[in-house]
PDB file of N, CA and C in Angstrom:
ATOM      1  N   MET A   1     140.135 105.353 109.431  1.00  0.00           N
ATOM      2  CA  MET A   1     138.718 105.131 109.331  1.00  0.00           C
ATOM      3  C   MET A   1     137.977 105.970 110.363  1.00  0.00           C
ATOM      4  N   HIS A   2     138.523 106.045 111.574  1.00  0.00           N
ATOM      5  CA  HIS A   2     137.883 106.832 112.627  1.00  0.00           C
ATOM      6  C   HIS A   2     137.763 108.293 112.202  1.00  0.00           C
ATOM      7  N   HIS A   3     138.824 108.842 111.643  1.00  0.00           N
ATOM      8  CA  HIS A   3     138.801 110.239 111.182  1.00  0.00           C
ATOM      9  C   HIS A   3     137.729 110.436 110.105  1.00  0.00           C
ATOM     10  N   PHE A   4     137.686 109.532 109.148  1.00  0.00           N
ATOM     11  CA  PHE A   4     136.685 109.613 108.078  1.00  0.00           C
ATOM     12  C   PHE A   4     135.276 109.598 108.653  1.00  0.00           C
ATOM     13  N   MET A   5     135.015 108.681 109.572  1.00  0.00           N
ATOM     14  CA  MET A   5     133.677 108.585 110.151  1.00  0.00           C
ATOM     15  C   MET A   5     133.330 109.835 110.961  1.00  0.00           C
ATOM     16  N   CYS A   6     134.318 110.428 111.606  1.00  0.00           N
ATOM     17  CA  CYS A   6     134.060 111.651 112.381  1.00  0.00           C
ATOM     18  C   CYS A   6     133.705 112.823 111.470  1.00  0.00           C
ATOM     19  N   ILE A   7     134.407 112.986 110.361  1.00  0.00           N
ATOM     20  CA  ILE A   7     134.122 114.138 109.496  1.00  0.00           C
ATOM     21  C   ILE A   7     132.893 113.915 108.618  1.00  0.00           C
ATOM     22  N   GLN A   8     132.499 112.658 108.425  1.00  0.00           N
ATOM     23  CA  GLN A   8     131.322 112.358 107.614  1.00  0.00           C
ATOM     24  C   GLN A   8     130.164 111.835 108.464  1.00  0.00           C
ATOM     25  N   ASN A   9     130.137 112.164 109.728  1.00  0.00           N
ATOM     26  CA  ASN A   9     129.145 111.631 110.671  1.00  0.00           C
ATOM     27  C   ASN A   9     127.713 111.841 110.208  1.00  0.00           C
ATOM     28  N   LEU A  10     127.402 112.977 109.611  1.00  0.00           N
ATOM     29  CA  LEU A  10     126.032 113.261 109.193  1.00  0.00           C
ATOM     30  C   LEU A  10     125.616 112.463 107.956  1.00  0.00           C
ATOM     31  N   SER A  11     126.549 111.770 107.327  1.00  0.00           N
ATOM     32  CA  SER A  11     126.243 110.977 106.141  1.00  0.00           C
ATOM     33  C   SER A  11     125.690 109.603 106.483  1.00  0.00           C
ATOM     34  N   PHE A  12     125.878 109.167 107.705  1.00  0.00           N
ATOM     35  CA  PHE A  12     125.480 107.822 108.098  1.00  0.00           C
ATOM     36  C   PHE A  12     124.084 107.815 108.711  1.00  0.00           C
ATOM     37  N   VAL A  13     123.402 106.691 108.542  1.00  0.00           N
ATOM     38  CA  VAL A  13     122.093 106.490 109.157  1.00  0.00           C
ATOM     39  C   VAL A  13     122.339 105.781 110.482  1.00  0.00           C
ATOM     40  N   TRP A  14     121.972 106.437 111.573  1.00  0.00           N
ATOM     41  CA  TRP A  14     122.233 105.877 112.897  1.00  0.00           C
ATOM     42  C   TRP A  14     120.991 105.285 113.540  1.00  0.00           C
ATOM     43  N   CYS A  15     119.813 105.507 112.952  1.00  0.00           N
ATOM     44  CA  CYS A  15     118.587 104.922 113.496  1.00  0.00           C
ATOM     45  C   CYS A  15     117.600 104.715 112.344  1.00  0.00           C
ATOM     46  N   ASN A  16     116.579 103.915 112.581  1.00  0.00           N
ATOM     47  CA  ASN A  16     115.612 103.590 111.529  1.00  0.00           C
ATOM     48  C   ASN A  16     114.845 104.807 111.029  1.00  0.00           C
ATOM     49  N   GLN A  17     114.628 105.818 111.900  1.00  0.00           N
ATOM     50  CA  GLN A  17     113.879 106.997 111.476  1.00  0.00           C
ATOM     51  C   GLN A  17     114.609 107.781 110.386  1.00  0.00           C
ATOM     52  N   GLU A  18     115.933 107.669 110.317  1.00  0.00           N
ATOM     53  CA  GLU A  18     116.719 108.388 109.313  1.00  0.00           C
ATOM     54  C   GLU A  18     116.843 107.617 108.002  1.00  0.00           C
ATOM     55  N   HIS A  19     116.421 106.378 107.992  1.00  0.00           N
ATOM     56  CA  HIS A  19     116.582 105.517 106.823  1.00  0.00           C
ATOM     57  C   HIS A  19     115.802 106.047 105.630  1.00  0.00           C
ATOM     58  N   SER A  20     116.408 106.047 104.485  1.00  0.00           N
ATOM     59  CA  SER A  20     115.826 106.403 103.187  1.00  0.00           C
ATOM     60  C   SER A  20     115.315 107.838 103.098  1.00  0.00           C
ATOM     61  N   HIS A  21     115.949 108.746 103.808  1.00  0.00           N
ATOM     62  CA  HIS A  21     115.610 110.164 103.707  1.00  0.00           C
ATOM     63  C   HIS A  21     116.819 110.914 103.167  1.00  0.00           C
ATOM     64  N   PHE A  22     116.627 111.617 102.069  1.00  0.00           N
ATOM     65  CA  PHE A  22     117.685 112.411 101.472  1.00  0.00           C
ATOM     66  C   PHE A  22     117.302 113.883 101.522  1.00  0.00           C
ATOM     67  N   ARG A  23     118.297 114.737 101.578  1.00  0.00           N
ATOM     68  CA  ARG A  23     118.027 116.171 101.534  1.00  0.00           C
ATOM     69  C   ARG A  23     117.524 116.527 100.144  1.00  0.00           C
ATOM     70  N   LYS A  24     116.384 117.207 100.108  1.00  0.00           N
ATOM     71  CA  LYS A  24     115.748 117.559  98.830  1.00  0.00           C
ATOM     72  C   LYS A  24     116.619 118.498  97.998  1.00  0.00           C
ATOM     73  N   ASP A  25     117.441 119.327  98.650  1.00  0.00           N
ATOM     74  CA  ASP A  25     118.294 120.243  97.892  1.00  0.00           C
ATOM     75  C   ASP A  25     119.454 119.523  97.200  1.00  0.00           C
ATOM     76  N   PHE A  26     119.829 118.354  97.703  1.00  0.00           N
ATOM     77  CA  PHE A  26     120.874 117.562  97.056  1.00  0.00           C
ATOM     78  C   PHE A  26     120.304 116.520  96.095  1.00  0.00           C
ATOM     79  N   PHE A  27     119.154 115.956  96.454  1.00  0.00           N
ATOM     80  CA  PHE A  27     118.556 114.885  95.670  1.00  0.00           C
ATOM     81  C   PHE A  27     117.097 115.208  95.377  1.00  0.00           C
ATOM     82  N   PRO A  28     116.822 115.985  94.337  1.00  0.00           N
ATOM     83  CA  PRO A  28     115.427 116.303  94.022  1.00  0.00           C
ATOM     84  C   PRO A  28     114.683 115.044  93.570  1.00  0.00           C
ATOM     85  N   SER A  29     113.373 115.035  93.784  1.00  0.00           N
ATOM     86  CA  SER A  29     112.559 113.898  93.370  1.00  0.00           C
ATOM     87  C   SER A  29     112.615 113.731  91.857  1.00  0.00           C
ATOM     88  N   ILE A  30     112.583 112.483  91.420  1.00  0.00           N
ATOM     89  CA  ILE A  30     112.592 112.206  89.988  1.00  0.00           C
ATOM     90  C   ILE A  30     111.448 111.250  89.659  1.00  0.00           C
ATOM     91  N   GLU A  31     111.039 111.266  88.427  1.00  0.00           N
ATOM     92  CA  GLU A  31     110.024 110.326  87.958  1.00  0.00           C
ATOM     93  C   GLU A  31     110.699 109.392  86.961  1.00  0.00           C
ATOM     94  N   ILE A  32     110.526 108.116  87.174  1.00  0.00           N
ATOM     95  CA  ILE A  32     111.139 107.117  86.292  1.00  0.00           C
ATOM     96  C   ILE A  32     110.098 106.683  85.273  1.00  0.00           C
ATOM     97  N   PRO A  33     110.328 106.965  83.997  1.00  0.00           N
ATOM     98  CA  PRO A  33     109.351 106.566  82.979  1.00  0.00           C
ATOM     99  C   PRO A  33     109.361 105.045  82.783  1.00  0.00           C
ATOM    100  N   THR A  34     108.185 104.495  82.595  1.00  0.00           N
ATOM    101  CA  THR A  34     108.060 103.056  82.354  1.00  0.00           C
ATOM    102  C   THR A  34     107.153 102.831  81.156  1.00  0.00           C
ATOM    103  N   ILE A  35     107.165 101.622  80.661  1.00  0.00           N
ATOM    104  CA  ILE A  35     106.278 101.272  79.560  1.00  0.00           C
ATOM    105  C   ILE A  35     105.223 100.290  80.071  1.00  0.00           C
ATOM    106  N   LEU A  36     104.088 100.253  79.434  1.00  0.00           N
ATOM    107  CA  LEU A  36     103.049  99.310  79.829  1.00  0.00           C
ATOM    108  C   LEU A  36     103.523  97.881  79.552  1.00  0.00           C
ATOM    109  N   HIS A  37     103.287  97.010  80.502  1.00  0.00           N
ATOM    110  CA  HIS A  37     103.676  95.612  80.369  1.00  0.00           C
ATOM    111  C   HIS A  37     102.884  94.786  81.368  1.00  0.00           C
ATOM    112  N   LYS A  38     102.934  93.492  81.212  1.00  0.00           N
ATOM    113  CA  LYS A  38     102.248  92.599  82.140  1.00  0.00           C
ATOM    114  C   LYS A  38     103.190  92.326  83.318  1.00  0.00           C
ATOM    115  N   PRO A  39     102.763  92.675  84.545  1.00  0.00           N
ATOM    116  CA  PRO A  39     103.620  92.439  85.705  1.00  0.00           C
ATOM    117  C   PRO A  39     103.861  90.958  85.946  1.00  0.00           C
ATOM    118  N   TRP A  40     105.046  90.629  86.394  1.00  0.00           N
ATOM    119  CA  TRP A  40     105.363  89.253  86.748  1.00  0.00           C
ATOM    120  C   TRP A  40     105.110  89.076  88.235  1.00  0.00           C
ATOM    121  N   THR A  41     104.894  87.867  88.648  1.00  0.00           N
ATOM    122  CA  THR A  41     104.696  87.571  90.060  1.00  0.00           C
ATOM    123  C   THR A  41     105.655  86.481  90.494  1.00  0.00           C
ATOM    124  N   GLN A  42     105.938  86.487  91.780  1.00  0.00           N
ATOM    125  CA  GLN A  42     106.856  85.510  92.336  1.00  0.00           C
ATOM    126  C   GLN A  42     106.359  85.182  93.744  1.00  0.00           C
ATOM    127  N   GLN A  43     106.438  83.932  94.151  1.00  0.00           N
ATOM    128  CA  GLN A  43     105.962  83.551  95.476  1.00  0.00           C
ATOM    129  C   GLN A  43     106.955  83.975  96.550  1.00  0.00           C
ATOM    130  N   ASN A  44     106.408  84.270  97.737  1.00  0.00           N
ATOM    131  CA  ASN A  44     107.256  84.606  98.877  1.00  0.00           C
ATOM    132  C   ASN A  44     108.084  83.405  99.311  1.00  0.00           C
ATOM    133  N   ILE A  45     109.213  83.691  99.926  1.00  0.00           N
ATOM    134  CA  ILE A  45     109.999  82.631 100.552  1.00  0.00           C
ATOM    135  C   ILE A  45     109.333  82.335 101.883  1.00  0.00           C
ATOM    136  N   PRO A  46     108.988  81.079 102.177  1.00  0.00           N
ATOM    137  CA  PRO A  46     108.301  80.791 103.440  1.00  0.00           C
ATOM    138  C   PRO A  46     109.181  81.074 104.653  1.00  0.00           C
ATOM    139  N   ILE A  47     108.564  81.583 105.715  1.00  0.00           N
ATOM    140  CA  ILE A  47     109.274  81.839 106.969  1.00  0.00           C
ATOM    141  C   ILE A  47     109.161  80.586 107.829  1.00  0.00           C
ATOM    142  N   PRO A  48     110.282  80.050 108.302  1.00  0.00           N
ATOM    143  CA  PRO A  48     110.222  78.850 109.146  1.00  0.00           C
ATOM    144  C   PRO A  48     109.385  79.119 110.402  1.00  0.00           C
ATOM    145  N   PRO A  49     108.544  78.172 110.799  1.00  0.00           N
ATOM    146  CA  PRO A  49     107.663  78.370 111.962  1.00  0.00           C
ATOM    147  C   PRO A  49     108.408  78.749 113.240  1.00  0.00           C
ATOM    148  N   GLY A  50     109.622  78.269 113.419  1.00  0.00           N
ATOM    149  CA  GLY A  50     110.386  78.543 114.641  1.00  0.00           C
ATOM    150  C   GLY A  50     110.772  80.002 114.817  1.00  0.00           C
ATOM    151  N   ILE A  51     110.868  80.745 113.723  1.00  0.00           N
ATOM    152  CA  ILE A  51     111.255  82.162 113.831  1.00  0.00           C
ATOM    153  C   ILE A  51     110.161  83.095 113.335  1.00  0.00           C
ATOM    154  N   TYR A  52     108.969  82.550 113.085  1.00  0.00           N
ATOM    155  CA  TYR A  52     107.871  83.343 112.505  1.00  0.00           C
ATOM    156  C   TYR A  52     107.533  84.569 113.350  1.00  0.00           C
ATOM    157  N   GLU A  53     107.397  84.398 114.669  1.00  0.00           N
ATOM    158  CA  GLU A  53     107.035  85.532 115.527  1.00  0.00           C
ATOM    159  C   GLU A  53     108.142  86.570 115.583  1.00  0.00           C
ATOM    160  N   ASP A  54     109.406  86.148 115.610  1.00  0.00           N
ATOM    161  CA  ASP A  54     110.527  87.095 115.621  1.00  0.00           C
ATOM    162  C   ASP A  54     110.560  87.909 114.325  1.00  0.00           C
ATOM    163  N   VAL A  55     110.371  87.237 113.211  1.00  0.00           N
ATOM    164  CA  VAL A  55     110.357  87.928 111.916  1.00  0.00           C
ATOM    165  C   VAL A  55     109.192  88.916 111.864  1.00  0.00           C
ATOM    166  N   GLY A  56     108.034  88.507 112.365  1.00  0.00           N
ATOM    167  CA  GLY A  56     106.875  89.396 112.408  1.00  0.00           C
ATOM    168  C   GLY A  56     107.141  90.638 113.224  1.00  0.00           C
ATOM    169  N   ARG A  57     107.808  90.474 114.390  1.00  0.00           N
ATOM    170  CA  ARG A  57     108.155  91.625 115.232  1.00  0.00           C
ATOM    171  C   ARG A  57     109.107  92.582 114.516  1.00  0.00           C
ATOM    172  N   ILE A  58     110.087  92.026 113.826  1.00  0.00           N
ATOM    173  CA  ILE A  58     111.051  92.861 113.093  1.00  0.00           C
ATOM    174  C   ILE A  58     110.342  93.630 111.989  1.00  0.00           C
ATOM    175  N   ILE A  59     109.490  92.961 111.236  1.00  0.00           N
ATOM    176  CA  ILE A  59     108.755  93.618 110.153  1.00  0.00           C
ATOM    177  C   ILE A  59     107.856  94.720 110.700  1.00  0.00           C
ATOM    178  N   GLN A  60     107.141  94.443 111.805  1.00  0.00           N
ATOM    179  CA  GLN A  60     106.259  95.451 112.398  1.00  0.00           C
ATOM    180  C   GLN A  60     107.052  96.670 112.876  1.00  0.00           C
ATOM    181  N   SER A  61     108.245  96.449 113.434  1.00  0.00           N
ATOM    182  CA  SER A  61     109.052  97.591 113.890  1.00  0.00           C
ATOM    183  C   SER A  61     109.532  98.423 112.701  1.00  0.00           C
ATOM    184  N   LYS A  62     109.857  97.761 111.590  1.00  0.00           N
ATOM    185  CA  LYS A  62     110.272  98.497 110.381  1.00  0.00           C
ATOM    186  C   LYS A  62     109.106  99.283 109.796  1.00  0.00           C
ATOM    187  N   ILE A  63     107.905  98.732 109.833  1.00  0.00           N
ATOM    188  CA  ILE A  63     106.713  99.445 109.360  1.00  0.00           C
ATOM    189  C   ILE A  63     106.450 100.650 110.251  1.00  0.00           C
ATOM    190  N   ALA A  64     106.596 100.474 111.573  1.00  0.00           N
ATOM    191  CA  ALA A  64     106.310 101.546 112.534  1.00  0.00           C
ATOM    192  C   ALA A  64     107.191 102.771 112.326  1.00  0.00           C
ATOM    193  N   VAL A  65     108.453 102.564 111.948  1.00  0.00           N
ATOM    194  CA  VAL A  65     109.347 103.711 111.764  1.00  0.00           C
ATOM    195  C   VAL A  65     109.418 104.182 110.309  1.00  0.00           C
ATOM    196  N   GLY A  66     108.702 103.506 109.420  1.00  0.00           N
ATOM    197  CA  GLY A  66     108.622 103.969 108.040  1.00  0.00           C
ATOM    198  C   GLY A  66     109.655 103.403 107.087  1.00  0.00           C
ATOM    199  N   VAL A  67     110.436 102.412 107.527  1.00  0.00           N
ATOM    200  CA  VAL A  67     111.406 101.787 106.620  1.00  0.00           C
ATOM    201  C   VAL A  67     110.666 100.982 105.564  1.00  0.00           C
ATOM    202  N   TYR A  68     109.663 100.208 106.003  1.00  0.00           N
ATOM    203  CA  TYR A  68     108.789  99.502 105.075  1.00  0.00           C
ATOM    204  C   TYR A  68     107.500 100.300 104.980  1.00  0.00           C
ATOM    205  N   LYS A  69     107.023 100.513 103.769  1.00  0.00           N
ATOM    206  CA  LYS A  69     105.822 101.310 103.570  1.00  0.00           C
ATOM    207  C   LYS A  69     104.781 100.503 102.806  1.00  0.00           C
ATOM    208  N   PRO A  70     103.504 100.770 103.065  1.00  0.00           N
ATOM    209  CA  PRO A  70     102.455 100.078 102.308  1.00  0.00           C
ATOM    210  C   PRO A  70     102.590 100.370 100.811  1.00  0.00           C
ATOM    211  N   SER A  71     102.222  99.413 100.014  1.00  0.00           N
ATOM    212  CA  SER A  71     102.339  99.585  98.576  1.00  0.00           C
ATOM    213  C   SER A  71     101.134  98.958  97.878  1.00  0.00           C
ATOM    214  N   ASN A  72     100.753  99.549  96.776  1.00  0.00           N
ATOM    215  CA  ASN A  72      99.723  98.944  95.951  1.00  0.00           C
ATOM    216  C   ASN A  72     100.309  98.586  94.588  1.00  0.00           C
ATOM    217  N   SER A  73     101.592  98.341  94.581  1.00  0.00           N
ATOM    218  CA  SER A  73     102.309  98.011  93.357  1.00  0.00           C
ATOM    219  C   SER A  73     101.834  96.673  92.792  1.00  0.00           C
ATOM    220  N   PHE A  74     101.868  96.572  91.487  1.00  0.00           N
ATOM    221  CA  PHE A  74     101.535  95.309  90.830  1.00  0.00           C
ATOM    222  C   PHE A  74     102.577  94.249  91.150  1.00  0.00           C
ATOM    223  N   TYR A  75     103.739  94.666  91.614  1.00  0.00           N
ATOM    224  CA  TYR A  75     104.820  93.729  91.850  1.00  0.00           C
ATOM    225  C   TYR A  75     104.855  93.197  93.261  1.00  0.00           C
ATOM    226  N   GLN A  76     103.811  93.394  94.040  1.00  0.00           N
ATOM    227  CA  GLN A  76     103.758  92.790  95.360  1.00  0.00           C
ATOM    228  C   GLN A  76     103.676  91.284  95.188  1.00  0.00           C
ATOM    229  N   THR A  77     104.354  90.586  96.072  1.00  0.00           N
ATOM    230  CA  THR A  77     104.276  89.120  96.031  1.00  0.00           C
ATOM    231  C   THR A  77     103.045  88.682  96.803  1.00  0.00           C
ATOM    232  N   ARG A  78     102.576  87.508  96.493  1.00  0.00           N
ATOM    233  CA  ARG A  78     101.358  87.013  97.143  1.00  0.00           C
ATOM    234  C   ARG A  78     101.662  86.020  98.195  1.00  0.00           C
TER     235      ARG A  78
END
């Protein structure tokens, strides 16, 4: 396993800034065709009050480095 990880080191994400970034020459952008339909909605899972601030900090750090991105999708939960 150590040998594999050493030779494939550049394949792994070692920090949040590298998350969800692919080389354009290997993975060109694609468009996924969809059909018109009525979006479904689902309620969020409530965050327990005891860990609310910790969860908020984690989410804010993910937003700051670009792992979570703003969306105007119809599928956002309310």
